[in-house]
Amino acid sequence: MFGRWPRVLFLIGTVTTTLAVHAVDASSTTTSTTITMVATIGSTPTSTSSTVATPTAPIKPGALFILGDSLCLGAEIFGKLSTTVKASARWTTVVSDCKMGRRALDGRSILTTTLESRMDFAGIVVALGTNDLLSRREKAYPAWIIEEMMSRAKGKPVLWVEVTYGGVHPDYVGRARRFNTALATAAKRYPNLSIAPWFDAYPSKSRLWERDGIHPTVPGYRMRATFLAKQISQFATFGASFATR
């Protein structure tokens, strides 16, 4: 990632964590069991029926793969993103791969290799695009790179985090809007694509930005982690709907 970065992160390269989840999912489904009761009134038996909900084993979509850049890394370090996602007990396993300076261009090969090496990933969080837009001004680029990533997702559910910048660079804000519009358009083509609305959740005019207008402050990273944890929890329901098809 270009620009100024909180000093504590200059010493950090790649963070990869794998977290196993064994808790019971609260969003379990139920089946109905019919119980028949027989009563005797005089010599004539009568029967009544009632329905009792019996919980079945909870349905989880499977393992979750988070692929991101330094904004993802900051959410992990300062906001304990993976730990929070694990605590929600919505995924069997959570694997987070975040690296400074990573672009969606770089994410293509990483996503391909990851899905080839592990078959249990049932959901993918893509937190990329910010670095791409710092140098790519072509209007067609957002749609192209989103297409590239979605083609490598192999039809698995994808949660893509919107891009946004601070108000220091008005042109960057415009690029973010174009990227997010391309995401919305892609979601109409790909039923497996869901969008995390980070642009509206973290306004460009905010004191929670570093001076570069690219990186959040430490409190901002904590906000991002809280936001993403909630979005990923909701995404589990989206992912489960694909797992049962």
C-alpha atoms as a PDB file:
ATOM      1  CA  MET A   1       0.000   0.000   0.000  1.00  0.00           C
ATOM      2  CA  PHE A   2       1.348   3.391  -0.903  1.00  0.00           C
ATOM      3  CA  GLY A   3       1.292   6.453   1.304  1.00  0.00           C
ATOM      4  CA  ARG A   4       1.796   6.929   5.014  1.00  0.00           C
ATOM      5  CA  TRP A   5       1.211   3.949   7.262  1.00  0.00           C
ATOM      6  CA  PRO A   6       1.018   3.762  11.056  1.00  0.00           C
ATOM      7  CA  ARG A   7       4.614   3.162  12.152  1.00  0.00           C
ATOM      8  CA  VAL A   8       3.811  -0.086  13.906  1.00  0.00           C
ATOM      9  CA  LEU A   9       2.917  -1.744  10.579  1.00  0.00           C
ATOM     10  CA  PHE A  10       6.163  -1.022   8.705  1.00  0.00           C
ATOM     11  CA  LEU A  11       7.677  -4.055  10.396  1.00  0.00           C
ATOM     12  CA  ILE A  12       4.933  -6.396   9.269  1.00  0.00           C
ATOM     13  CA  GLY A  13       4.847  -8.374   6.054  1.00  0.00           C
ATOM     14  CA  THR A  14       2.204 -11.041   5.677  1.00  0.00           C
ATOM     15  CA  VAL A  15      -0.114 -12.271   8.392  1.00  0.00           C
ATOM     16  CA  THR A  16      -1.798 -15.634   7.901  1.00  0.00           C
ATOM     17  CA  THR A  17      -3.986 -17.083  10.611  1.00  0.00           C
ATOM     18  CA  THR A  18      -6.051 -20.252  10.741  1.00  0.00           C
ATOM     19  CA  LEU A  19      -8.764 -20.456  13.353  1.00  0.00           C
ATOM     20  CA  ALA A  20     -10.950 -23.511  14.022  1.00  0.00           C
ATOM     21  CA  VAL A  21     -14.530 -23.084  15.159  1.00  0.00           C
ATOM     22  CA  HIS A  22     -16.293 -25.717  17.223  1.00  0.00           C
ATOM     23  CA  ALA A  23     -19.146 -23.799  18.834  1.00  0.00           C
ATOM     24  CA  VAL A  24     -22.773 -24.432  17.945  1.00  0.00           C
ATOM     25  CA  ASP A  25     -24.271 -22.120  15.327  1.00  0.00           C
ATOM     26  CA  ALA A  26     -27.182 -20.177  16.747  1.00  0.00           C
ATOM     27  CA  SER A  27     -28.825 -19.931  13.330  1.00  0.00           C
ATOM     28  CA  SER A  28     -29.807 -23.581  13.151  1.00  0.00           C
ATOM     29  CA  THR A  29     -32.726 -24.922  11.148  1.00  0.00           C
ATOM     30  CA  THR A  30     -35.571 -26.942  12.626  1.00  0.00           C
ATOM     31  CA  THR A  31     -37.736 -29.864  11.580  1.00  0.00           C
ATOM     32  CA  SER A  32     -41.229 -30.631  12.803  1.00  0.00           C
ATOM     33  CA  THR A  33     -42.196 -33.804  14.645  1.00  0.00           C
ATOM     34  CA  THR A  34     -45.871 -34.716  15.057  1.00  0.00           C
ATOM     35  CA  ILE A  35     -46.874 -36.245  18.400  1.00  0.00           C
ATOM     36  CA  THR A  36     -50.245 -38.001  18.711  1.00  0.00           C
ATOM     37  CA  MET A  37     -51.978 -38.142  22.098  1.00  0.00           C
ATOM     38  CA  VAL A  38     -54.848 -40.533  22.853  1.00  0.00           C
ATOM     39  CA  ALA A  39     -57.332 -39.814  25.642  1.00  0.00           C
ATOM     40  CA  THR A  40     -60.258 -41.968  26.852  1.00  0.00           C
ATOM     41  CA  ILE A  41     -63.563 -40.339  27.665  1.00  0.00           C
ATOM     42  CA  GLY A  42     -65.897 -43.067  28.952  1.00  0.00           C
ATOM     43  CA  SER A  43     -65.416 -45.874  26.480  1.00  0.00           C
ATOM     44  CA  THR A  44     -64.765 -43.677  23.405  1.00  0.00           C
ATOM     45  CA  PRO A  45     -61.103 -42.882  22.632  1.00  0.00           C
ATOM     46  CA  THR A  46     -60.321 -39.510  21.082  1.00  0.00           C
ATOM     47  CA  SER A  47     -57.027 -38.233  19.736  1.00  0.00           C
ATOM     48  CA  THR A  48     -55.418 -34.849  19.362  1.00  0.00           C
ATOM     49  CA  SER A  49     -52.231 -33.877  17.540  1.00  0.00           C
ATOM     50  CA  SER A  50     -49.672 -31.172  18.236  1.00  0.00           C
ATOM     51  CA  THR A  51     -46.501 -30.093  16.456  1.00  0.00           C
ATOM     52  CA  VAL A  52     -43.226 -29.674  18.356  1.00  0.00           C
ATOM     53  CA  ALA A  53     -40.169 -28.013  16.817  1.00  0.00           C
ATOM     54  CA  THR A  54     -37.082 -30.172  17.151  1.00  0.00           C
ATOM     55  CA  PRO A  55     -33.713 -28.526  16.357  1.00  0.00           C
ATOM     56  CA  THR A  56     -31.486 -30.311  13.877  1.00  0.00           C
ATOM     57  CA  ALA A  57     -27.727 -30.048  13.570  1.00  0.00           C
ATOM     58  CA  PRO A  58     -26.742 -26.474  12.643  1.00  0.00           C
ATOM     59  CA  ILE A  59     -25.838 -25.829   9.031  1.00  0.00           C
ATOM     60  CA  LYS A  60     -22.548 -24.002   8.453  1.00  0.00           C
ATOM     61  CA  PRO A  61     -21.358 -23.200   4.950  1.00  0.00           C
ATOM     62  CA  GLY A  62     -17.803 -24.435   5.653  1.00  0.00           C
ATOM     63  CA  ALA A  63     -14.417 -22.702   5.788  1.00  0.00           C
ATOM     64  CA  LEU A  64     -13.935 -18.976   5.144  1.00  0.00           C
ATOM     65  CA  PHE A  65     -11.020 -17.433   3.231  1.00  0.00           C
ATOM     66  CA  ILE A  66     -10.261 -13.719   3.732  1.00  0.00           C
ATOM     67  CA  LEU A  67      -8.034 -12.206   1.043  1.00  0.00           C
ATOM     68  CA  GLY A  68      -6.965  -8.612   1.577  1.00  0.00           C
ATOM     69  CA  ASP A  69      -4.437  -5.806   1.588  1.00  0.00           C
ATOM     70  CA  SER A  70      -3.044  -3.527   4.309  1.00  0.00           C
ATOM     71  CA  LEU A  71      -6.544  -2.348   5.251  1.00  0.00           C
ATOM     72  CA  CYS A  72      -7.385  -5.963   5.997  1.00  0.00           C
ATOM     73  CA  LEU A  73      -4.087  -6.324   7.854  1.00  0.00           C
ATOM     74  CA  GLY A  74      -4.899  -3.320  10.025  1.00  0.00           C
ATOM     75  CA  ALA A  75      -8.329  -4.747  10.838  1.00  0.00           C
ATOM     76  CA  GLU A  76      -6.614  -7.962  11.935  1.00  0.00           C
ATOM     77  CA  ILE A  77      -3.941  -6.288  14.060  1.00  0.00           C
ATOM     78  CA  PHE A  78      -5.954  -3.507  15.680  1.00  0.00           C
ATOM     79  CA  GLY A  79      -9.464  -4.975  15.479  1.00  0.00           C
ATOM     80  CA  LYS A  80      -8.837  -8.735  15.827  1.00  0.00           C
ATOM     81  CA  LEU A  81     -11.039  -9.417  12.827  1.00  0.00           C
ATOM     82  CA  SER A  82     -10.457 -13.176  12.561  1.00  0.00           C
ATOM     83  CA  THR A  83     -10.877 -13.656  16.294  1.00  0.00           C
ATOM     84  CA  THR A  84     -14.236 -11.891  16.191  1.00  0.00           C
ATOM     85  CA  VAL A  85     -15.380 -13.865  13.159  1.00  0.00           C
ATOM     86  CA  LYS A  86     -14.356 -17.085  14.893  1.00  0.00           C
ATOM     87  CA  ALA A  87     -16.333 -16.125  18.006  1.00  0.00           C
ATOM     88  CA  SER A  88     -19.500 -15.795  15.910  1.00  0.00           C
ATOM     89  CA  ALA A  89     -19.304 -19.565  15.274  1.00  0.00           C
ATOM     90  CA  ARG A  90     -20.709 -19.114  11.789  1.00  0.00           C
ATOM     91  CA  TRP A  91     -17.836 -20.812   9.910  1.00  0.00           C
ATOM     92  CA  THR A  92     -16.014 -24.084  10.516  1.00  0.00           C
ATOM     93  CA  THR A  93     -12.596 -22.473   9.891  1.00  0.00           C
ATOM     94  CA  VAL A  94     -11.355 -18.931   9.233  1.00  0.00           C
ATOM     95  CA  VAL A  95      -8.182 -18.316   7.214  1.00  0.00           C
ATOM     96  CA  SER A  96      -6.996 -14.729   6.777  1.00  0.00           C
ATOM     97  CA  ASP A  97      -4.331 -13.802   4.216  1.00  0.00           C
ATOM     98  CA  CYS A  98      -3.624 -10.061   4.219  1.00  0.00           C
ATOM     99  CA  LYS A  99      -0.543  -8.256   2.915  1.00  0.00           C
ATOM    100  CA  MET A 100       0.570  -4.648   2.523  1.00  0.00           C
ATOM    101  CA  GLY A 101       0.496  -3.303  -1.012  1.00  0.00           C
ATOM    102  CA  ARG A 102      -1.563  -6.175  -2.424  1.00  0.00           C
ATOM    103  CA  ARG A 103      -3.732  -5.473  -5.460  1.00  0.00           C
ATOM    104  CA  ALA A 104      -6.634  -7.383  -6.900  1.00  0.00           C
ATOM    105  CA  LEU A 105      -4.238  -8.086  -9.773  1.00  0.00           C
ATOM    106  CA  ASP A 106      -2.084  -9.995  -7.306  1.00  0.00           C
ATOM    107  CA  GLY A 107      -5.124 -11.625  -5.747  1.00  0.00           C
ATOM    108  CA  ARG A 108      -5.987 -13.488  -8.939  1.00  0.00           C
ATOM    109  CA  SER A 109      -3.157 -16.005  -8.687  1.00  0.00           C
ATOM    110  CA  ILE A 110      -3.479 -16.259  -4.894  1.00  0.00           C
ATOM    111  CA  LEU A 111      -7.166 -17.093  -5.153  1.00  0.00           C
ATOM    112  CA  THR A 112      -6.547 -19.675  -7.865  1.00  0.00           C
ATOM    113  CA  THR A 113      -3.754 -21.402  -5.913  1.00  0.00           C
ATOM    114  CA  THR A 114      -5.705 -21.354  -2.644  1.00  0.00           C
ATOM    115  CA  LEU A 115      -8.847 -22.908  -4.073  1.00  0.00           C
ATOM    116  CA  GLU A 116      -6.806 -25.567  -5.864  1.00  0.00           C
ATOM    117  CA  SER A 117      -5.003 -26.552  -2.667  1.00  0.00           C
ATOM    118  CA  ARG A 118      -8.073 -26.594  -0.406  1.00  0.00           C
ATOM    119  CA  MET A 119     -11.507 -27.811  -1.351  1.00  0.00           C
ATOM    120  CA  ASP A 120     -13.318 -26.890   1.877  1.00  0.00           C
ATOM    121  CA  PHE A 121     -13.536 -23.133   1.389  1.00  0.00           C
ATOM    122  CA  ALA A 122     -17.221 -22.292   1.128  1.00  0.00           C
ATOM    123  CA  GLY A 123     -16.920 -18.505   1.333  1.00  0.00           C
ATOM    124  CA  ILE A 124     -14.415 -15.907   0.134  1.00  0.00           C
ATOM    125  CA  VAL A 125     -14.020 -12.352   1.423  1.00  0.00           C
ATOM    126  CA  VAL A 126     -12.227 -10.094  -1.068  1.00  0.00           C
ATOM    127  CA  ALA A 127     -10.911  -6.877   0.489  1.00  0.00           C
ATOM    128  CA  LEU A 128      -8.918  -5.678  -2.529  1.00  0.00           C
ATOM    129  CA  GLY A 129      -9.053  -2.857  -5.046  1.00  0.00           C
ATOM    130  CA  THR A 130      -7.705   0.091  -3.055  1.00  0.00           C
ATOM    131  CA  ASN A 131      -4.126  -0.297  -4.314  1.00  0.00           C
ATOM    132  CA  ASP A 132      -5.238  -0.960  -7.886  1.00  0.00           C
ATOM    133  CA  LEU A 133      -7.021   2.370  -8.148  1.00  0.00           C
ATOM    134  CA  LEU A 134      -4.005   4.366  -6.978  1.00  0.00           C
ATOM    135  CA  SER A 135      -2.390   3.817 -10.368  1.00  0.00           C
ATOM    136  CA  ARG A 136      -5.160   2.583 -12.668  1.00  0.00           C
ATOM    137  CA  ARG A 137      -7.377   5.347 -14.016  1.00  0.00           C
ATOM    138  CA  GLU A 138      -8.964   3.446 -16.895  1.00  0.00           C
ATOM    139  CA  LYS A 139     -12.737   3.541 -16.602  1.00  0.00           C
ATOM    140  CA  ALA A 140     -12.985  -0.066 -17.786  1.00  0.00           C
ATOM    141  CA  TYR A 141     -10.494  -1.369 -15.239  1.00  0.00           C
ATOM    142  CA  PRO A 142     -12.849  -1.960 -12.265  1.00  0.00           C
ATOM    143  CA  ALA A 143     -15.257  -4.109 -14.273  1.00  0.00           C
ATOM    144  CA  TRP A 144     -12.363  -6.043 -15.782  1.00  0.00           C
ATOM    145  CA  ILE A 145     -10.584  -6.880 -12.524  1.00  0.00           C
ATOM    146  CA  ILE A 146     -13.843  -7.829 -10.797  1.00  0.00           C
ATOM    147  CA  GLU A 147     -14.585 -10.184 -13.694  1.00  0.00           C
ATOM    148  CA  GLU A 148     -11.091 -11.657 -13.373  1.00  0.00           C
ATOM    149  CA  MET A 149     -11.531 -12.358  -9.666  1.00  0.00           C
ATOM    150  CA  MET A 150     -15.045 -13.745  -9.975  1.00  0.00           C
ATOM    151  CA  SER A 151     -13.966 -16.131 -12.733  1.00  0.00           C
ATOM    152  CA  ARG A 152     -11.372 -17.556 -10.331  1.00  0.00           C
ATOM    153  CA  ALA A 153     -13.856 -17.955  -7.465  1.00  0.00           C
ATOM    154  CA  LYS A 154     -15.234 -21.119  -9.117  1.00  0.00           C
ATOM    155  CA  GLY A 155     -18.810 -20.166  -8.317  1.00  0.00           C
ATOM    156  CA  LYS A 156     -18.171 -20.023  -4.562  1.00  0.00           C
ATOM    157  CA  PRO A 157     -19.910 -17.261  -2.558  1.00  0.00           C
ATOM    158  CA  VAL A 158     -17.876 -14.046  -2.540  1.00  0.00           C
ATOM    159  CA  LEU A 159     -18.219 -11.058  -0.221  1.00  0.00           C
ATOM    160  CA  TRP A 160     -16.391  -8.101  -1.779  1.00  0.00           C
ATOM    161  CA  VAL A 161     -15.669  -5.088   0.436  1.00  0.00           C
ATOM    162  CA  GLU A 162     -16.323  -1.724  -1.207  1.00  0.00           C
ATOM    163  CA  VAL A 163     -13.441   0.699  -1.771  1.00  0.00           C
ATOM    164  CA  THR A 164     -13.278   4.194  -0.305  1.00  0.00           C
ATOM    165  CA  TYR A 165     -10.717   6.930   0.351  1.00  0.00           C
ATOM    166  CA  GLY A 166     -10.407  10.002   2.528  1.00  0.00           C
ATOM    167  CA  GLY A 167     -11.339  13.406   1.170  1.00  0.00           C
ATOM    168  CA  VAL A 168      -7.683  14.398   0.724  1.00  0.00           C
ATOM    169  CA  HIS A 169      -7.777  13.125  -2.859  1.00  0.00           C
ATOM    170  CA  PRO A 170     -11.130  13.980  -4.477  1.00  0.00           C
ATOM    171  CA  ASP A 171     -10.103  12.131  -7.631  1.00  0.00           C
ATOM    172  CA  TYR A 172      -9.565   8.948  -5.614  1.00  0.00           C
ATOM    173  CA  VAL A 173     -13.051   9.248  -4.165  1.00  0.00           C
ATOM    174  CA  GLY A 174     -14.401   9.387  -7.707  1.00  0.00           C
ATOM    175  CA  ARG A 175     -12.430   6.281  -8.619  1.00  0.00           C
ATOM    176  CA  ALA A 176     -13.845   4.493  -5.592  1.00  0.00           C
ATOM    177  CA  ARG A 177     -17.367   5.354  -6.708  1.00  0.00           C
ATOM    178  CA  ARG A 178     -16.681   3.902 -10.161  1.00  0.00           C
ATOM    179  CA  PHE A 179     -15.262   0.740  -8.635  1.00  0.00           C
ATOM    180  CA  ASN A 180     -18.240   0.286  -6.328  1.00  0.00           C
ATOM    181  CA  THR A 181     -20.655   0.907  -9.202  1.00  0.00           C
ATOM    182  CA  ALA A 182     -18.871  -1.824 -11.150  1.00  0.00           C
ATOM    183  CA  LEU A 183     -19.301  -4.120  -8.135  1.00  0.00           C
ATOM    184  CA  ALA A 184     -23.043  -3.448  -8.057  1.00  0.00           C
ATOM    185  CA  THR A 185     -23.275  -4.185 -11.772  1.00  0.00           C
ATOM    186  CA  ALA A 186     -21.312  -7.413 -11.364  1.00  0.00           C
ATOM    187  CA  ALA A 187     -23.614  -8.538  -8.553  1.00  0.00           C
ATOM    188  CA  LYS A 188     -26.461  -8.557 -11.065  1.00  0.00           C
ATOM    189  CA  ARG A 189     -24.513 -11.006 -13.230  1.00  0.00           C
ATOM    190  CA  TYR A 190     -23.105 -13.169 -10.447  1.00  0.00           C
ATOM    191  CA  PRO A 191     -25.647 -14.551  -7.965  1.00  0.00           C
ATOM    192  CA  ASN A 192     -22.725 -15.666  -5.773  1.00  0.00           C
ATOM    193  CA  LEU A 193     -21.470 -12.082  -5.292  1.00  0.00           C
ATOM    194  CA  SER A 194     -22.433 -10.115  -2.190  1.00  0.00           C
ATOM    195  CA  ILE A 195     -21.168  -6.594  -1.360  1.00  0.00           C
ATOM    196  CA  ALA A 196     -20.060  -5.122   1.973  1.00  0.00           C
ATOM    197  CA  PRO A 197     -21.062  -1.396   1.818  1.00  0.00           C
ATOM    198  CA  TRP A 198     -17.903   0.072   3.347  1.00  0.00           C
ATOM    199  CA  PHE A 199     -18.152   3.313   1.315  1.00  0.00           C
ATOM    200  CA  ASP A 200     -21.208   4.557   3.229  1.00  0.00           C
ATOM    201  CA  ALA A 201     -20.165   2.955   6.510  1.00  0.00           C
ATOM    202  CA  TYR A 202     -16.887   4.912   6.610  1.00  0.00           C
ATOM    203  CA  PRO A 203     -17.446   8.371   5.055  1.00  0.00           C
ATOM    204  CA  SER A 204     -14.611  10.039   3.162  1.00  0.00           C
ATOM    205  CA  LYS A 205     -14.864  13.178   5.306  1.00  0.00           C
ATOM    206  CA  SER A 206     -13.808  11.775   8.634  1.00  0.00           C
ATOM    207  CA  ARG A 207     -11.109  12.375  11.225  1.00  0.00           C
ATOM    208  CA  LEU A 208     -10.563   8.646  11.284  1.00  0.00           C
ATOM    209  CA  TRP A 209      -8.226   8.824   8.270  1.00  0.00           C
ATOM    210  CA  GLU A 210      -4.450   9.095   8.171  1.00  0.00           C
ATOM    211  CA  ARG A 211      -3.113  12.081   6.249  1.00  0.00           C
ATOM    212  CA  ASP A 212      -2.613  10.018   3.104  1.00  0.00           C
ATOM    213  CA  GLY A 213      -6.376   9.576   2.771  1.00  0.00           C
ATOM    214  CA  ILE A 214      -5.826   5.873   2.150  1.00  0.00           C
ATOM    215  CA  HIS A 215      -5.380   4.268   5.564  1.00  0.00           C
ATOM    216  CA  PRO A 216      -7.715   4.555   8.542  1.00  0.00           C
ATOM    217  CA  THR A 217      -6.368   5.503  11.947  1.00  0.00           C
ATOM    218  CA  VAL A 218      -6.182   2.849  14.664  1.00  0.00           C
ATOM    219  CA  PRO A 219      -9.756   3.619  15.845  1.00  0.00           C
ATOM    220  CA  GLY A 220     -10.744   3.480  12.189  1.00  0.00           C
ATOM    221  CA  TYR A 221      -9.308   0.007  11.825  1.00  0.00           C
ATOM    222  CA  ARG A 222     -11.294  -1.104  14.831  1.00  0.00           C
ATOM    223  CA  MET A 223     -14.424   0.281  13.200  1.00  0.00           C
ATOM    224  CA  ARG A 224     -13.553  -1.586  10.016  1.00  0.00           C
ATOM    225  CA  ALA A 225     -13.070  -4.838  11.931  1.00  0.00           C
ATOM    226  CA  THR A 226     -16.440  -4.444  13.678  1.00  0.00           C
ATOM    227  CA  PHE A 227     -18.130  -3.636  10.380  1.00  0.00           C
ATOM    228  CA  LEU A 228     -16.565  -6.592   8.562  1.00  0.00           C
ATOM    229  CA  ALA A 229     -17.298  -9.043  11.369  1.00  0.00           C
ATOM    230  CA  LYS A 230     -20.987  -8.178  11.140  1.00  0.00           C
ATOM    231  CA  GLN A 231     -20.989  -8.382   7.346  1.00  0.00           C
ATOM    232  CA  ILE A 232     -19.181 -11.724   7.397  1.00  0.00           C
ATOM    233  CA  SER A 233     -21.650 -13.119   9.928  1.00  0.00           C
ATOM    234  CA  GLN A 234     -24.521 -12.196   7.605  1.00  0.00           C
ATOM    235  CA  PHE A 235     -22.529 -13.570   4.689  1.00  0.00           C
ATOM    236  CA  ALA A 236     -22.523 -16.987   6.391  1.00  0.00           C
ATOM    237  CA  THR A 237     -26.273 -17.237   5.799  1.00  0.00           C
ATOM    238  CA  PHE A 238     -25.701 -16.276   2.166  1.00  0.00           C
ATOM    239  CA  GLY A 239     -22.980 -18.931   1.910  1.00  0.00           C
ATOM    240  CA  ALA A 240     -25.112 -21.604   3.551  1.00  0.00           C
ATOM    241  CA  SER A 241     -27.794 -21.119   0.916  1.00  0.00           C
ATOM    242  CA  PHE A 242     -25.245 -22.153  -1.718  1.00  0.00           C
ATOM    243  CA  ALA A 243     -24.002 -25.094   0.358  1.00  0.00           C
ATOM    244  CA  THR A 244     -27.487 -26.627   0.401  1.00  0.00           C
ATOM    245  CA  ARG A 245     -28.078 -26.325  -3.347  1.00  0.00           C
END
